[in-house]
All heavy atoms as atom14 arrays in JSON, in Angstrom:
{
  "sequence": "GLFLSELGADVVRIDRIKSASSFLRLPAEADIDR",
  "atom14_mask": [
    [1, 1, 1, 1, 0, 0, 0, 0, 0, 0, 0, 0, 0, 0],
    [1, 1, 1, 1, 1, 1, 1, 1, 0, 0, 0, 0, 0, 0],
    [1, 1, 1, 1, 1, 1, 1, 1, 1, 1, 1, 0, 0, 0],
    [1, 1, 1, 1, 1, 1, 1, 1, 0, 0, 0, 0, 0, 0],
    [1, 1, 1, 1, 1, 1, 0, 0, 0, 0, 0, 0, 0, 0],
    [1, 1, 1, 1, 1, 1, 1, 1, 1, 0, 0, 0, 0, 0],
    [1, 1, 1, 1, 1, 1, 1, 1, 0, 0, 0, 0, 0, 0],
    [1, 1, 1, 1, 0, 0, 0, 0, 0, 0, 0, 0, 0, 0],
    [1, 1, 1, 1, 1, 0, 0, 0, 0, 0, 0, 0, 0, 0],
    [1, 1, 1, 1, 1, 1, 1, 1, 0, 0, 0, 0, 0, 0],
    [1, 1, 1, 1, 1, 1, 1, 0, 0, 0, 0, 0, 0, 0],
    [1, 1, 1, 1, 1, 1, 1, 0, 0, 0, 0, 0, 0, 0],
    [1, 1, 1, 1, 1, 1, 1, 1, 1, 1, 1, 0, 0, 0],
    [1, 1, 1, 1, 1, 1, 1, 1, 0, 0, 0, 0, 0, 0],
    [1, 1, 1, 1, 1, 1, 1, 1, 0, 0, 0, 0, 0, 0],
    [1, 1, 1, 1, 1, 1, 1, 1, 1, 1, 1, 0, 0, 0],
    [1, 1, 1, 1, 1, 1, 1, 1, 0, 0, 0, 0, 0, 0],
    [1, 1, 1, 1, 1, 1, 1, 1, 1, 0, 0, 0, 0, 0],
    [1, 1, 1, 1, 1, 1, 0, 0, 0, 0, 0, 0, 0, 0],
    [1, 1, 1, 1, 1, 0, 0, 0, 0, 0, 0, 0, 0, 0],
    [1, 1, 1, 1, 1, 1, 0, 0, 0, 0, 0, 0, 0, 0],
    [1, 1, 1, 1, 1, 1, 0, 0, 0, 0, 0, 0, 0, 0],
    [1, 1, 1, 1, 1, 1, 1, 1, 1, 1, 1, 0, 0, 0],
    [1, 1, 1, 1, 1, 1, 1, 1, 0, 0, 0, 0, 0, 0],
    [1, 1, 1, 1, 1, 1, 1, 1, 1, 1, 1, 0, 0, 0],
    [1, 1, 1, 1, 1, 1, 1, 1, 0, 0, 0, 0, 0, 0],
    [1, 1, 1, 1, 1, 1, 1, 0, 0, 0, 0, 0, 0, 0],
    [1, 1, 1, 1, 1, 0, 0, 0, 0, 0, 0, 0, 0, 0],
    [1, 1, 1, 1, 1, 1, 1, 1, 1, 0, 0, 0, 0, 0],
    [1, 1, 1, 1, 1, 0, 0, 0, 0, 0, 0, 0, 0, 0],
    [1, 1, 1, 1, 1, 1, 1, 1, 0, 0, 0, 0, 0, 0],
    [1, 1, 1, 1, 1, 1, 1, 1, 0, 0, 0, 0, 0, 0],
    [1, 1, 1, 1, 1, 1, 1, 1, 0, 0, 0, 0, 0, 0],
    [1, 1, 1, 1, 1, 1, 1, 1, 1, 1, 1, 0, 0, 0]
  ],
  "atom14_positions": [
    [[-61.22, 244.45, -163.2], [-60.66, 245.56, -162.42], [-60.18, 245.11, -161.06], [-59.11, 245.53, -160.59], [0.0, 0.0, 0.0], [0.0, 0.0, 0.0], [0.0, 0.0, 0.0], [0.0, 0.0, 0.0], [0.0, 0.0, 0.0], [0.0, 0.0, 0.0], [0.0, 0.0, 0.0], [0.0, 0.0, 0.0], [0.0, 0.0, 0.0], [0.0, 0.0, 0.0]],
    [[-60.96, 244.25, -160.41], [-60.56, 243.72, -159.1], [-59.27, 242.92, -159.2], [-58.32, 243.13, -158.43], [-61.67, 242.84, -158.54], [-61.33, 242.05, -157.27], [-61.06, 242.99, -156.1], [-62.44, 241.06, -156.93], [0.0, 0.0, 0.0], [0.0, 0.0, 0.0], [0.0, 0.0, 0.0], [0.0, 0.0, 0.0], [0.0, 0.0, 0.0], [0.0, 0.0, 0.0]],
    [[-59.21, 241.99, -160.17], [-58.02, 241.15, -160.3], [-56.78, 241.99, -160.61], [-55.7, 241.76, -160.05], [-58.22, 240.11, -161.39], [-59.21, 239.02, -161.03], [-59.71, 238.17, -162.01], [-59.63, 238.84, -159.73], [-60.61, 237.16, -161.69], [-60.54, 237.84, -159.39], [-61.02, 237.0, -160.38], [0.0, 0.0, 0.0], [0.0, 0.0, 0.0], [0.0, 0.0, 0.0]],
    [[-56.92, 242.95, -161.51], [-55.77, 243.78, -161.88], [-55.34, 244.65, -160.71], [-54.14, 244.89, -160.51], [-56.12, 244.63, -163.1], [-56.34, 243.83, -164.4], [-56.99, 244.71, -165.47], [-55.03, 243.25, -164.91], [0.0, 0.0, 0.0], [0.0, 0.0, 0.0], [0.0, 0.0, 0.0], [0.0, 0.0, 0.0], [0.0, 0.0, 0.0], [0.0, 0.0, 0.0]],
    [[-56.3, 245.1, -159.92], [-55.98, 245.88, -158.71], [-55.21, 245.02, -157.72], [-54.22, 245.47, -157.12], [-57.27, 246.41, -158.09], [-57.02, 247.01, -156.83], [0.0, 0.0, 0.0], [0.0, 0.0, 0.0], [0.0, 0.0, 0.0], [0.0, 0.0, 0.0], [0.0, 0.0, 0.0], [0.0, 0.0, 0.0], [0.0, 0.0, 0.0], [0.0, 0.0, 0.0]],
    [[-55.66, 243.77, -157.53], [-54.97, 242.89, -156.58], [-53.58, 242.51, -157.09], [-52.7, 242.18, -156.29], [-55.81, 241.64, -156.33], [-57.08, 241.94, -155.54], [-57.83, 240.71, -155.12], [-57.9, 239.75, -155.91], [-58.38, 240.7, -154.0], [0.0, 0.0, 0.0], [0.0, 0.0, 0.0], [0.0, 0.0, 0.0], [0.0, 0.0, 0.0], [0.0, 0.0, 0.0]],
    [[-53.36, 242.59, -158.39], [-52.03, 242.35, -158.95], [-51.13, 243.57, -158.82], [-49.97, 243.53, -159.22], [-52.15, 241.94, -160.42], [-52.72, 240.54, -160.68], [-52.98, 240.33, -162.16], [-51.77, 239.46, -160.16], [0.0, 0.0, 0.0], [0.0, 0.0, 0.0], [0.0, 0.0, 0.0], [0.0, 0.0, 0.0], [0.0, 0.0, 0.0], [0.0, 0.0, 0.0]],
    [[-51.66, 244.65, -158.26], [-50.83, 245.81, -157.96], [-51.13, 247.07, -158.73], [-50.56, 248.13, -158.43], [0.0, 0.0, 0.0], [0.0, 0.0, 0.0], [0.0, 0.0, 0.0], [0.0, 0.0, 0.0], [0.0, 0.0, 0.0], [0.0, 0.0, 0.0], [0.0, 0.0, 0.0], [0.0, 0.0, 0.0], [0.0, 0.0, 0.0], [0.0, 0.0, 0.0]],
    [[-52.01, 247.0, -159.73], [-52.3, 248.19, -160.53], [-53.1, 249.21, -159.72], [-53.9, 248.85, -158.85], [-53.07, 247.8, -161.79], [0.0, 0.0, 0.0], [0.0, 0.0, 0.0], [0.0, 0.0, 0.0], [0.0, 0.0, 0.0], [0.0, 0.0, 0.0], [0.0, 0.0, 0.0], [0.0, 0.0, 0.0], [0.0, 0.0, 0.0], [0.0, 0.0, 0.0]],
    [[-52.9, 250.49, -160.03], [-53.77, 251.54, -159.52], [-54.98, 251.6, -160.45], [-54.85, 251.89, -161.64], [-53.07, 252.9, -159.54], [-52.12, 253.07, -158.38], [-52.47, 252.63, -157.26], [-51.03, 253.63, -158.58], [0.0, 0.0, 0.0], [0.0, 0.0, 0.0], [0.0, 0.0, 0.0], [0.0, 0.0, 0.0], [0.0, 0.0, 0.0], [0.0, 0.0, 0.0]],
    [[-56.16, 251.31, -159.91], [-57.38, 251.3, -160.71], [-58.34, 252.33, -160.15], [-58.63, 252.33, -158.95], [-58.06, 249.91, -160.7], [-59.29, 249.91, -161.61], [-57.08, 248.83, -161.14], [0.0, 0.0, 0.0], [0.0, 0.0, 0.0], [0.0, 0.0, 0.0], [0.0, 0.0, 0.0], [0.0, 0.0, 0.0], [0.0, 0.0, 0.0], [0.0, 0.0, 0.0]],
    [[-58.83, 253.22, -161.01], [-59.85, 254.18, -160.6], [-61.13, 253.86, -161.35], [-61.13, 253.7, -162.56], [-59.41, 255.65, -160.84], [-59.11, 255.92, -162.31], [-60.46, 256.62, -160.32], [0.0, 0.0, 0.0], [0.0, 0.0, 0.0], [0.0, 0.0, 0.0], [0.0, 0.0, 0.0], [0.0, 0.0, 0.0], [0.0, 0.0, 0.0], [0.0, 0.0, 0.0]],
    [[-62.21, 253.7, -160.59], [-63.51, 253.41, -161.19], [-64.22, 254.71, -161.53], [-64.32, 255.61, -160.7], [-64.38, 252.6, -160.22], [-63.93, 251.17, -160.0], [-64.82, 250.47, -158.99], [-66.21, 250.49, -159.39], [-67.13, 251.32, -158.94], [-66.81, 252.25, -158.04], [-68.37, 251.26, -159.36], [0.0, 0.0, 0.0], [0.0, 0.0, 0.0], [0.0, 0.0, 0.0]],
    [[-64.76, 254.78, -162.73], [-65.49, 255.96, -163.17], [-66.97, 255.63, -163.28], [-67.39, 254.83, -164.11], [-64.97, 256.46, -164.55], [-63.46, 256.74, -164.48], [-65.76, 257.68, -165.0], [-63.07, 257.84, -163.5], [0.0, 0.0, 0.0], [0.0, 0.0, 0.0], [0.0, 0.0, 0.0], [0.0, 0.0, 0.0], [0.0, 0.0, 0.0], [0.0, 0.0, 0.0]],
    [[-67.75, 256.25, -162.4], [-69.21, 256.12, -162.43], [-69.8, 257.38, -163.06], [-69.2, 258.46, -162.99], [-69.76, 255.99, -161.01], [-70.01, 254.56, -160.6], [-70.75, 253.87, -161.31], [-69.47, 254.14, -159.56], [0.0, 0.0, 0.0], [0.0, 0.0, 0.0], [0.0, 0.0, 0.0], [0.0, 0.0, 0.0], [0.0, 0.0, 0.0], [0.0, 0.0, 0.0]],
    [[-70.97, 257.22, -163.64], [-71.69, 258.42, -164.08], [-72.26, 259.13, -162.86], [-72.5, 258.51, -161.82], [-72.81, 258.04, -165.04], [-72.28, 257.37, -166.32], [-73.34, 257.32, -167.37], [-72.89, 256.53, -168.52], [-73.49, 256.53, -169.69], [-74.57, 257.28, -169.89], [-73.04, 255.79, -170.69], [0.0, 0.0, 0.0], [0.0, 0.0, 0.0], [0.0, 0.0, 0.0]],
    [[-72.47, 260.42, -162.99], [-73.0, 261.22, -161.88], [-74.29, 260.63, -161.35], [-74.51, 260.54, -160.14], [-73.21, 262.69, -162.32], [-71.86, 263.41, -162.42], [-74.14, 263.43, -161.36], [-71.23, 263.75, -161.08], [0.0, 0.0, 0.0], [0.0, 0.0, 0.0], [0.0, 0.0, 0.0], [0.0, 0.0, 0.0], [0.0, 0.0, 0.0], [0.0, 0.0, 0.0]],
    [[-75.18, 260.21, -162.24], [-76.46, 259.65, -161.82], [-76.5, 258.15, -162.09], [-77.47, 257.62, -162.64], [-77.61, 260.36, -162.54], [-77.74, 261.83, -162.19], [-78.92, 262.47, -162.9], [-79.05, 263.94, -162.5], [-80.19, 264.6, -163.21], [0.0, 0.0, 0.0], [0.0, 0.0, 0.0], [0.0, 0.0, 0.0], [0.0, 0.0, 0.0], [0.0, 0.0, 0.0]],
    [[-75.44, 257.45, -161.72], [-75.37, 256.01, -161.97], [-76.36, 255.27, -161.09], [-76.62, 255.66, -159.95], [-73.96, 255.49, -161.72], [-73.58, 255.76, -160.38], [0.0, 0.0, 0.0], [0.0, 0.0, 0.0], [0.0, 0.0, 0.0], [0.0, 0.0, 0.0], [0.0, 0.0, 0.0], [0.0, 0.0, 0.0], [0.0, 0.0, 0.0], [0.0, 0.0, 0.0]],
    [[-76.9, 254.18, -161.63], [-77.82, 253.34, -160.86], [-77.03, 252.48, -159.89], [-75.91, 252.07, -160.18], [-78.62, 252.45, -161.81], [0.0, 0.0, 0.0], [0.0, 0.0, 0.0], [0.0, 0.0, 0.0], [0.0, 0.0, 0.0], [0.0, 0.0, 0.0], [0.0, 0.0, 0.0], [0.0, 0.0, 0.0], [0.0, 0.0, 0.0], [0.0, 0.0, 0.0]],
    [[-77.6, 252.23, -158.73], [-76.92, 251.37, -157.75], [-77.07, 249.91, -158.16], [-77.97, 249.53, -158.88], [-77.51, 251.59, -156.35], [-78.89, 251.3, -156.36], [0.0, 0.0, 0.0], [0.0, 0.0, 0.0], [0.0, 0.0, 0.0], [0.0, 0.0, 0.0], [0.0, 0.0, 0.0], [0.0, 0.0, 0.0], [0.0, 0.0, 0.0], [0.0, 0.0, 0.0]],
    [[-76.16, 249.08, -157.67], [-76.17, 247.67, -158.01], [-77.41, 247.0, -157.42], [-77.79, 247.26, -156.28], [-74.91, 246.99, -157.46], [-75.03, 245.58, -157.56], [0.0, 0.0, 0.0], [0.0, 0.0, 0.0], [0.0, 0.0, 0.0], [0.0, 0.0, 0.0], [0.0, 0.0, 0.0], [0.0, 0.0, 0.0], [0.0, 0.0, 0.0], [0.0, 0.0, 0.0]],
    [[-78.05, 246.11, -158.2], [-79.22, 245.4, -157.7], [-78.84, 244.35, -156.66], [-79.7, 243.83, -155.94], [-79.97, 244.73, -158.86], [-79.23, 243.59, -159.51], [-79.4, 242.29, -159.07], [-78.36, 243.82, -160.56], [-78.73, 241.24, -159.66], [-77.68, 242.77, -161.16], [-77.86, 241.48, -160.71], [0.0, 0.0, 0.0], [0.0, 0.0, 0.0], [0.0, 0.0, 0.0]],
    [[-77.54, 244.03, -156.52], [-77.12, 242.99, -155.59], [-77.14, 243.46, -154.14], [-77.3, 242.67, -153.23], [-75.71, 242.5, -155.96], [-75.61, 241.78, -157.3], [-74.16, 241.46, -157.62], [-76.45, 240.5, -157.29], [0.0, 0.0, 0.0], [0.0, 0.0, 0.0], [0.0, 0.0, 0.0], [0.0, 0.0, 0.0], [0.0, 0.0, 0.0], [0.0, 0.0, 0.0]],
    [[-76.93, 244.76, -153.9], [-76.96, 245.33, -152.55], [-76.02, 244.61, -151.59], [-76.39, 244.25, -150.47], [-78.38, 245.3, -151.99], [-79.41, 246.08, -152.78], [-79.21, 247.59, -152.59], [-80.38, 248.34, -152.99], [-80.63, 248.73, -154.25], [-79.79, 248.38, -155.21], [-81.71, 249.42, -154.54], [0.0, 0.0, 0.0], [0.0, 0.0, 0.0], [0.0, 0.0, 0.0]],
    [[-74.79, 244.38, -151.99], [-73.83, 243.7, -151.13], [-73.19, 244.68, -150.16], [-73.02, 245.87, -150.47], [-72.73, 243.08, -151.98], [-73.1, 241.82, -152.77], [-72.01, 241.5, -153.79], [-73.3, 240.65, -151.82], [0.0, 0.0, 0.0], [0.0, 0.0, 0.0], [0.0, 0.0, 0.0], [0.0, 0.0, 0.0], [0.0, 0.0, 0.0], [0.0, 0.0, 0.0]],
    [[-72.79, 244.22, -148.96], [-72.03, 245.1, -148.06], [-70.69, 245.44, -148.69], [-70.16, 244.7, -149.52], [-71.86, 244.24, -146.8], [-72.05, 242.83, -147.25], [-73.01, 242.88, -148.4], [0.0, 0.0, 0.0], [0.0, 0.0, 0.0], [0.0, 0.0, 0.0], [0.0, 0.0, 0.0], [0.0, 0.0, 0.0], [0.0, 0.0, 0.0], [0.0, 0.0, 0.0]],
    [[-70.11, 246.56, -148.28], [-68.9, 247.07, -148.93], [-67.76, 246.06, -148.95], [-67.06, 245.93, -149.96], [-68.45, 248.35, -148.22], [0.0, 0.0, 0.0], [0.0, 0.0, 0.0], [0.0, 0.0, 0.0], [0.0, 0.0, 0.0], [0.0, 0.0, 0.0], [0.0, 0.0, 0.0], [0.0, 0.0, 0.0], [0.0, 0.0, 0.0], [0.0, 0.0, 0.0]],
    [[-67.59, 245.31, -147.86], [-66.47, 244.38, -147.78], [-66.65, 243.15, -148.69], [-65.71, 242.38, -148.9], [-66.23, 243.93, -146.34], [-67.35, 243.14, -145.72], [-68.43, 244.02, -145.08], [-68.4, 245.25, -145.32], [-69.27, 243.47, -144.35], [0.0, 0.0, 0.0], [0.0, 0.0, 0.0], [0.0, 0.0, 0.0], [0.0, 0.0, 0.0], [0.0, 0.0, 0.0]],
    [[-67.86, 242.96, -149.23], [-68.12, 241.82, -150.1], [-68.43, 242.24, -151.54], [-68.65, 241.39, -152.39], [-69.29, 241.01, -149.55], [0.0, 0.0, 0.0], [0.0, 0.0, 0.0], [0.0, 0.0, 0.0], [0.0, 0.0, 0.0], [0.0, 0.0, 0.0], [0.0, 0.0, 0.0], [0.0, 0.0, 0.0], [0.0, 0.0, 0.0], [0.0, 0.0, 0.0]],
    [[-68.43, 243.53, -151.81], [-68.84, 244.04, -153.12], [-67.66, 244.0, -154.09], [-66.88, 244.94, -154.18], [-69.38, 245.45, -153.0], [-70.03, 245.95, -154.28], [-69.93, 245.23, -155.31], [-70.61, 247.04, -154.27], [0.0, 0.0, 0.0], [0.0, 0.0, 0.0], [0.0, 0.0, 0.0], [0.0, 0.0, 0.0], [0.0, 0.0, 0.0], [0.0, 0.0, 0.0]],
    [[-67.51, 242.89, -154.82], [-66.35, 242.75, -155.71], [-66.4, 243.75, -156.87], [-65.39, 243.97, -157.54], [-66.21, 241.32, -156.25], [-67.39, 240.95, -157.15], [-66.06, 240.32, -155.11], [-67.18, 239.67, -157.91], [0.0, 0.0, 0.0], [0.0, 0.0, 0.0], [0.0, 0.0, 0.0], [0.0, 0.0, 0.0], [0.0, 0.0, 0.0], [0.0, 0.0, 0.0]],
    [[-67.57, 244.35, -157.12], [-67.65, 245.36, -158.17], [-66.93, 246.65, -157.77], [-66.7, 247.52, -158.62], [-69.11, 245.7, -158.49], [-69.79, 244.58, -159.29], [-69.08, 243.69, -159.77], [-71.03, 244.63, -159.43], [0.0, 0.0, 0.0], [0.0, 0.0, 0.0], [0.0, 0.0, 0.0], [0.0, 0.0, 0.0], [0.0, 0.0, 0.0], [0.0, 0.0, 0.0]],
    [[-66.58, 246.79, -156.48], [-65.97, 248.03, -156.01], [-64.71, 247.84, -155.17], [-63.94, 248.78, -155.01], [-67.0, 248.83, -155.2], [-68.14, 249.36, -156.06], [-69.28, 249.91, -155.22], [-70.25, 250.59, -156.06], [-71.16, 249.97, -156.82], [-71.22, 248.64, -156.82], [-72.01, 250.65, -157.57], [0.0, 0.0, 0.0], [0.0, 0.0, 0.0], [0.0, 0.0, 0.0]]
  ]
}
């Protein structure tokens, strides 16, 4: 998703309402999952 977004695609991430948070706890500017 990150790579395709950087290639120009519009990507929307869909989380579940009660989704678990990432165990990595990265700051927003380093969180490649988002």
